[in-house]
Amino acid sequence: MNLRIKEFAVNMDVGSKGIEFEVREPSDDKHLGDIFIAKGGITWCQGRTRKENGKTVSWNTFIQWMEGRKKG
């Protein structure tokens, strides 16, 4: 995947608004969606979905998924 930072505040701490990454297919540069990394969790927005309509998971849920303790 190709990732681009779309918005980045220069602060050392990630604020509540977070950081937005644009995700593109490496072969044809097709826009797949955006991912927001913030204090409250991670939000995936498929295609042109707005952040408010994206799918959000808390950090605890994300960590459980990555460690294989939760499926889904």
PDB file of N, CA and C in Angstrom:
ATOM      1  N   MET A   1       0.834  -1.178   0.000  1.00  0.00           N
ATOM      2  CA  MET A   1       0.000   0.000   0.000  1.00  0.00           C
ATOM      3  C   MET A   1       0.875   1.236   0.000  1.00  0.00           C
ATOM      4  N   ASN A   2       0.406   2.256  -0.635  1.00  0.00           N
ATOM      5  CA  ASN A   2       1.061   3.554  -0.573  1.00  0.00           C
ATOM      6  C   ASN A   2       0.350   4.398   0.464  1.00  0.00           C
ATOM      7  N   LEU A   3       1.105   5.000   1.369  1.00  0.00           N
ATOM      8  CA  LEU A   3       0.536   5.856   2.405  1.00  0.00           C
ATOM      9  C   LEU A   3       1.102   7.249   2.269  1.00  0.00           C
ATOM     10  N   ARG A   4       0.232   8.226   2.393  1.00  0.00           N
ATOM     11  CA  ARG A   4       0.655   9.625   2.365  1.00  0.00           C
ATOM     12  C   ARG A   4       0.057  10.333   3.561  1.00  0.00           C
ATOM     13  N   ILE A   5       0.842  11.165   4.206  1.00  0.00           N
ATOM     14  CA  ILE A   5       0.296  11.977   5.287  1.00  0.00           C
ATOM     15  C   ILE A   5      -0.427  13.143   4.642  1.00  0.00           C
ATOM     16  N   LYS A   6      -1.725  13.254   4.911  1.00  0.00           N
ATOM     17  CA  LYS A   6      -2.524  14.328   4.331  1.00  0.00           C
ATOM     18  C   LYS A   6      -2.531  15.563   5.213  1.00  0.00           C
ATOM     19  N   GLU A   7      -2.452  15.342   6.516  1.00  0.00           N
ATOM     20  CA  GLU A   7      -2.489  16.458   7.444  1.00  0.00           C
ATOM     21  C   GLU A   7      -1.627  16.084   8.638  1.00  0.00           C
ATOM     22  N   PHE A   8      -0.743  17.000   9.076  1.00  0.00           N
ATOM     23  CA  PHE A   8       0.162  16.663  10.164  1.00  0.00           C
ATOM     24  C   PHE A   8       0.482  17.906  10.971  1.00  0.00           C
ATOM     25  N   ALA A   9       0.049  17.904  12.216  1.00  0.00           N
ATOM     26  CA  ALA A   9       0.407  18.994  13.121  1.00  0.00           C
ATOM     27  C   ALA A   9       1.819  18.724  13.633  1.00  0.00           C
ATOM     28  N   VAL A  10       2.609  19.752  13.807  1.00  0.00           N
ATOM     29  CA  VAL A  10       4.009  19.589  14.161  1.00  0.00           C
ATOM     30  C   VAL A  10       4.210  19.302  15.651  1.00  0.00           C
ATOM     31  N   ASN A  11       3.163  19.263  16.429  1.00  0.00           N
ATOM     32  CA  ASN A  11       3.283  18.949  17.854  1.00  0.00           C
ATOM     33  C   ASN A  11       3.808  17.539  18.049  1.00  0.00           C
ATOM     34  N   MET A  12       4.490  17.315  19.163  1.00  0.00           N
ATOM     35  CA  MET A  12       5.004  15.979  19.458  1.00  0.00           C
ATOM     36  C   MET A  12       3.879  15.029  19.862  1.00  0.00           C
ATOM     37  N   ASP A  13       2.883  15.528  20.576  1.00  0.00           N
ATOM     38  CA  ASP A  13       1.748  14.704  20.971  1.00  0.00           C
ATOM     39  C   ASP A  13       0.682  14.744  19.885  1.00  0.00           C
ATOM     40  N   VAL A  14       0.042  13.607  19.647  1.00  0.00           N
ATOM     41  CA  VAL A  14      -1.072  13.567  18.702  1.00  0.00           C
ATOM     42  C   VAL A  14      -2.290  14.132  19.417  1.00  0.00           C
ATOM     43  N   GLY A  15      -2.907  15.128  18.823  1.00  0.00           N
ATOM     44  CA  GLY A  15      -4.079  15.752  19.426  1.00  0.00           C
ATOM     45  C   GLY A  15      -5.337  14.938  19.194  1.00  0.00           C
ATOM     46  N   SER A  16      -6.446  15.452  19.679  1.00  0.00           N
ATOM     47  CA  SER A  16      -7.711  14.728  19.536  1.00  0.00           C
ATOM     48  C   SER A  16      -8.143  14.639  18.077  1.00  0.00           C
ATOM     49  N   LYS A  17      -7.748  15.609  17.251  1.00  0.00           N
ATOM     50  CA  LYS A  17      -8.067  15.556  15.824  1.00  0.00           C
ATOM     51  C   LYS A  17      -7.254  14.470  15.126  1.00  0.00           C
ATOM     52  N   GLY A  18      -6.028  14.266  15.574  1.00  0.00           N
ATOM     53  CA  GLY A  18      -5.204  13.178  15.073  1.00  0.00           C
ATOM     54  C   GLY A  18      -4.457  13.487  13.795  1.00  0.00           C
ATOM     55  N   ILE A  19      -3.967  12.427  13.188  1.00  0.00           N
ATOM     56  CA  ILE A  19      -3.203  12.489  11.942  1.00  0.00           C
ATOM     57  C   ILE A  19      -3.970  11.697  10.892  1.00  0.00           C
ATOM     58  N   GLU A  20      -4.046  12.246   9.686  1.00  0.00           N
ATOM     59  CA  GLU A  20      -4.780  11.590   8.601  1.00  0.00           C
ATOM     60  C   GLU A  20      -3.800  11.043   7.570  1.00  0.00           C
ATOM     61  N   PHE A  21      -3.976   9.764   7.226  1.00  0.00           N
ATOM     62  CA  PHE A  21      -3.176   9.127   6.182  1.00  0.00           C
ATOM     63  C   PHE A  21      -4.080   8.769   5.008  1.00  0.00           C
ATOM     64  N   GLU A  22      -3.570   8.980   3.813  1.00  0.00           N
ATOM     65  CA  GLU A  22      -4.272   8.579   2.593  1.00  0.00           C
ATOM     66  C   GLU A  22      -3.701   7.230   2.165  1.00  0.00           C
ATOM     67  N   VAL A  23      -4.556   6.255   1.882  1.00  0.00           N
ATOM     68  CA  VAL A  23      -4.121   4.909   1.507  1.00  0.00           C
ATOM     69  C   VAL A  23      -4.454   4.684   0.033  1.00  0.00           C
ATOM     70  N   ARG A  24      -3.425   4.318  -0.747  1.00  0.00           N
ATOM     71  CA  ARG A  24      -3.594   4.093  -2.183  1.00  0.00           C
ATOM     72  C   ARG A  24      -3.009   2.748  -2.577  1.00  0.00           C
ATOM     73  N   GLU A  25      -3.594   2.157  -3.604  1.00  0.00           N
ATOM     74  CA  GLU A  25      -3.103   0.908  -4.181  1.00  0.00           C
ATOM     75  C   GLU A  25      -1.759   1.202  -4.856  1.00  0.00           C
ATOM     76  N   PRO A  26      -0.712   0.413  -4.579  1.00  0.00           N
ATOM     77  CA  PRO A  26       0.593   0.714  -5.164  1.00  0.00           C
ATOM     78  C   PRO A  26       0.647   0.517  -6.678  1.00  0.00           C
ATOM     79  N   SER A  27      -0.122  -0.421  -7.213  1.00  0.00           N
ATOM     80  CA  SER A  27      -0.025  -0.733  -8.641  1.00  0.00           C
ATOM     81  C   SER A  27      -0.606   0.348  -9.538  1.00  0.00           C
ATOM     82  N   ASP A  28      -1.755   0.898  -9.160  1.00  0.00           N
ATOM     83  CA  ASP A  28      -2.393   1.881 -10.041  1.00  0.00           C
ATOM     84  C   ASP A  28      -2.723   3.196  -9.333  1.00  0.00           C
ATOM     85  N   ASP A  29      -2.248   3.359  -8.110  1.00  0.00           N
ATOM     86  CA  ASP A  29      -2.439   4.577  -7.330  1.00  0.00           C
ATOM     87  C   ASP A  29      -3.911   4.861  -7.034  1.00  0.00           C
ATOM     88  N   LYS A  30      -4.762   3.823  -7.104  1.00  0.00           N
ATOM     89  CA  LYS A  30      -6.185   3.983  -6.809  1.00  0.00           C
ATOM     90  C   LYS A  30      -6.368   4.325  -5.332  1.00  0.00           C
ATOM     91  N   HIS A  31      -7.183   5.341  -5.057  1.00  0.00           N
ATOM     92  CA  HIS A  31      -7.469   5.754  -3.683  1.00  0.00           C
ATOM     93  C   HIS A  31      -8.369   4.716  -3.025  1.00  0.00           C
ATOM     94  N   LEU A  32      -7.887   4.099  -1.941  1.00  0.00           N
ATOM     95  CA  LEU A  32      -8.659   3.083  -1.223  1.00  0.00           C
ATOM     96  C   LEU A  32      -9.414   3.670  -0.040  1.00  0.00           C
ATOM     97  N   GLY A  33      -8.851   4.708   0.566  1.00  0.00           N
ATOM     98  CA  GLY A  33      -9.498   5.330   1.711  1.00  0.00           C
ATOM     99  C   GLY A  33      -8.519   6.135   2.529  1.00  0.00           C
ATOM    100  N   ASP A  34      -8.967   6.542   3.707  1.00  0.00           N
ATOM    101  CA  ASP A  34      -8.153   7.325   4.624  1.00  0.00           C
ATOM    102  C   ASP A  34      -8.204   6.674   5.998  1.00  0.00           C
ATOM    103  N   ILE A  35      -7.125   6.817   6.737  1.00  0.00           N
ATOM    104  CA  ILE A  35      -7.092   6.315   8.110  1.00  0.00           C
ATOM    105  C   ILE A  35      -6.667   7.457   9.026  1.00  0.00           C
ATOM    106  N   PHE A  36      -7.394   7.603  10.122  1.00  0.00           N
ATOM    107  CA  PHE A  36      -7.125   8.648  11.097  1.00  0.00           C
ATOM    108  C   PHE A  36      -6.590   7.998  12.366  1.00  0.00           C
ATOM    109  N   ILE A  37      -5.450   8.476  12.830  1.00  0.00           N
ATOM    110  CA  ILE A  37      -4.848   8.005  14.073  1.00  0.00           C
ATOM    111  C   ILE A  37      -5.000   9.138  15.079  1.00  0.00           C
ATOM    112  N   ALA A  38      -5.713   8.876  16.178  1.00  0.00           N
ATOM    113  CA  ALA A  38      -5.978   9.920  17.166  1.00  0.00           C
ATOM    114  C   ALA A  38      -5.902   9.345  18.577  1.00  0.00           C
ATOM    115  N   LYS A  39      -5.990  10.225  19.556  1.00  0.00           N
ATOM    116  CA  LYS A  39      -5.947   9.792  20.956  1.00  0.00           C
ATOM    117  C   LYS A  39      -7.026   8.760  21.264  1.00  0.00           C
ATOM    118  N   GLY A  40      -8.213   8.947  20.717  1.00  0.00           N
ATOM    119  CA  GLY A  40      -9.343   8.074  21.024  1.00  0.00           C
ATOM    120  C   GLY A  40      -9.346   6.751  20.303  1.00  0.00           C
ATOM    121  N   GLY A  41      -8.540   6.602  19.251  1.00  0.00           N
ATOM    122  CA  GLY A  41      -8.512   5.353  18.513  1.00  0.00           C
ATOM    123  C   GLY A  41      -8.149   5.554  17.056  1.00  0.00           C
ATOM    124  N   ILE A  42      -8.536   4.587  16.245  1.00  0.00           N
ATOM    125  CA  ILE A  42      -8.218   4.568  14.820  1.00  0.00           C
ATOM    126  C   ILE A  42      -9.523   4.522  14.043  1.00  0.00           C
ATOM    127  N   THR A  43      -9.630   5.381  13.018  1.00  0.00           N
ATOM    128  CA  THR A  43     -10.831   5.425  12.186  1.00  0.00           C
ATOM    129  C   THR A  43     -10.457   5.130  10.742  1.00  0.00           C
ATOM    130  N   TRP A  44     -11.126   4.147  10.137  1.00  0.00           N
ATOM    131  CA  TRP A  44     -10.943   3.808   8.720  1.00  0.00           C
ATOM    132  C   TRP A  44     -12.118   4.357   7.934  1.00  0.00           C
ATOM    133  N   CYS A  45     -11.807   5.071   6.844  1.00  0.00           N
ATOM    134  CA  CYS A  45     -12.832   5.638   5.963  1.00  0.00           C
ATOM    135  C   CYS A  45     -12.594   5.093   4.563  1.00  0.00           C
ATOM    136  N   GLN A  46     -13.384   4.105   4.164  1.00  0.00           N
ATOM    137  CA  GLN A  46     -13.229   3.484   2.854  1.00  0.00           C
ATOM    138  C   GLN A  46     -13.626   4.464   1.768  1.00  0.00           C
ATOM    139  N   GLY A  47     -12.839   4.508   0.696  1.00  0.00           N
ATOM    140  CA  GLY A  47     -13.143   5.383  -0.432  1.00  0.00           C
ATOM    141  C   GLY A  47     -13.191   6.842  -0.021  1.00  0.00           C
ATOM    142  N   ARG A  48     -14.288   7.489  -0.351  1.00  0.00           N
ATOM    143  CA  ARG A  48     -14.449   8.919  -0.045  1.00  0.00           C
ATOM    144  C   ARG A  48     -15.315   9.154   1.190  1.00  0.00           C
ATOM    145  N   THR A  49     -15.424   8.160   2.048  1.00  0.00           N
ATOM    146  CA  THR A  49     -16.221   8.275   3.266  1.00  0.00           C
ATOM    147  C   THR A  49     -15.668   9.379   4.157  1.00  0.00           C
ATOM    148  N   ARG A  50     -16.563  10.176   4.719  1.00  0.00           N
ATOM    149  CA  ARG A  50     -16.146  11.227   5.644  1.00  0.00           C
ATOM    150  C   ARG A  50     -15.797  10.613   6.995  1.00  0.00           C
ATOM    151  N   LYS A  51     -14.942  11.295   7.745  1.00  0.00           N
ATOM    152  CA  LYS A  51     -14.490  10.781   9.038  1.00  0.00           C
ATOM    153  C   LYS A  51     -15.661  10.456   9.963  1.00  0.00           C
ATOM    154  N   GLU A  52     -16.685  11.293   9.958  1.00  0.00           N
ATOM    155  CA  GLU A  52     -17.846  11.089  10.829  1.00  0.00           C
ATOM    156  C   GLU A  52     -18.557   9.769  10.524  1.00  0.00           C
ATOM    157  N   ASN A  53     -18.433   9.285   9.293  1.00  0.00           N
ATOM    158  CA  ASN A  53     -19.112   8.059   8.866  1.00  0.00           C
ATOM    159  C   ASN A  53     -18.173   6.854   8.788  1.00  0.00           C
ATOM    160  N   GLY A  54     -16.928   7.045   9.211  1.00  0.00           N
ATOM    161  CA  GLY A  54     -15.954   5.964   9.165  1.00  0.00           C
ATOM    162  C   GLY A  54     -16.162   4.954  10.280  1.00  0.00           C
ATOM    163  N   LYS A  55     -15.363   3.911  10.243  1.00  0.00           N
ATOM    164  CA  LYS A  55     -15.422   2.855  11.259  1.00  0.00           C
ATOM    165  C   LYS A  55     -14.283   3.084  12.246  1.00  0.00           C
ATOM    166  N   THR A  56     -14.648   3.287  13.511  1.00  0.00           N
ATOM    167  CA  THR A  56     -13.668   3.612  14.546  1.00  0.00           C
ATOM    168  C   THR A  56     -13.527   2.461  15.529  1.00  0.00           C
ATOM    169  N   VAL A  57     -12.290   2.194  15.926  1.00  0.00           N
ATOM    170  CA  VAL A  57     -12.021   1.238  16.996  1.00  0.00           C
ATOM    171  C   VAL A  57     -11.156   1.933  18.045  1.00  0.00           C
ATOM    172  N   SER A  58     -11.364   1.545  19.288  1.00  0.00           N
ATOM    173  CA  SER A  58     -10.551   2.094  20.376  1.00  0.00           C
ATOM    174  C   SER A  58      -9.150   1.489  20.299  1.00  0.00           C
ATOM    175  N   TRP A  59      -8.222   2.107  21.005  1.00  0.00           N
ATOM    176  CA  TRP A  59      -6.871   1.565  21.051  1.00  0.00           C
ATOM    177  C   TRP A  59      -6.856   0.177  21.680  1.00  0.00           C
ATOM    178  N   ASN A  60      -7.641  -0.034  22.729  1.00  0.00           N
ATOM    179  CA  ASN A  60      -7.681  -1.350  23.373  1.00  0.00           C
ATOM    180  C   ASN A  60      -8.178  -2.425  22.414  1.00  0.00           C
ATOM    181  N   THR A  61      -9.226  -2.121  21.655  1.00  0.00           N
ATOM    182  CA  THR A  61      -9.745  -3.078  20.672  1.00  0.00           C
ATOM    183  C   THR A  61      -8.716  -3.345  19.585  1.00  0.00           C
ATOM    184  N   PHE A  62      -8.076  -2.306  19.086  1.00  0.00           N
ATOM    185  CA  PHE A  62      -7.048  -2.452  18.053  1.00  0.00           C
ATOM    186  C   PHE A  62      -5.909  -3.343  18.544  1.00  0.00           C
ATOM    187  N   ILE A  63      -5.449  -3.098  19.760  1.00  0.00           N
ATOM    188  CA  ILE A  63      -4.359  -3.900  20.325  1.00  0.00           C
ATOM    189  C   ILE A  63      -4.783  -5.360  20.453  1.00  0.00           C
ATOM    190  N   GLN A  64      -6.018  -5.602  20.885  1.00  0.00           N
ATOM    191  CA  GLN A  64      -6.515  -6.979  20.991  1.00  0.00           C
ATOM    192  C   GLN A  64      -6.551  -7.655  19.625  1.00  0.00           C
ATOM    193  N   TRP A  65      -7.009  -6.935  18.595  1.00  0.00           N
ATOM    194  CA  TRP A  65      -7.019  -7.496  17.237  1.00  0.00           C
ATOM    195  C   TRP A  65      -5.605  -7.870  16.803  1.00  0.00           C
ATOM    196  N   MET A  66      -4.664  -6.956  17.012  1.00  0.00           N
ATOM    197  CA  MET A  66      -3.294  -7.182  16.566  1.00  0.00           C
ATOM    198  C   MET A  66      -2.621  -8.313  17.338  1.00  0.00           C
ATOM    199  N   GLU A  67      -3.005  -8.493  18.572  1.00  0.00           N
ATOM    200  CA  GLU A  67      -2.427  -9.563  19.386  1.00  0.00           C
ATOM    201  C   GLU A  67      -3.208 -10.866  19.258  1.00  0.00           C
ATOM    202  N   GLY A  68      -4.252 -10.875  18.415  1.00  0.00           N
ATOM    203  CA  GLY A  68      -4.991 -12.088  18.123  1.00  0.00           C
ATOM    204  C   GLY A  68      -5.969 -12.533  19.189  1.00  0.00           C
ATOM    205  N   ARG A  69      -6.320 -11.631  20.112  1.00  0.00           N
ATOM    206  CA  ARG A  69      -7.255 -11.996  21.171  1.00  0.00           C
ATOM    207  C   ARG A  69      -8.700 -11.749  20.793  1.00  0.00           C
ATOM    208  N   LYS A  70      -8.914 -11.007  19.727  1.00  0.00           N
ATOM    209  CA  LYS A  70     -10.284 -10.692  19.326  1.00  0.00           C
ATOM    210  C   LYS A  70     -10.387 -10.869  17.824  1.00  0.00           C
ATOM    211  N   LYS A  71     -11.440 -11.498  17.370  1.00  0.00           N
ATOM    212  CA  LYS A  71     -11.656 -11.675  15.933  1.00  0.00           C
ATOM    213  C   LYS A  71     -12.762 -10.748  15.487  1.00  0.00           C
ATOM    214  N   GLY A  72     -12.661 -10.289  14.230  1.00  0.00           N
ATOM    215  CA  GLY A  72     -13.717  -9.444  13.716  1.00  0.00           C
ATOM    216  C   GLY A  72     -13.170  -8.282  13.094  1.00  0.00           C
TER     217      GLY A  72
END
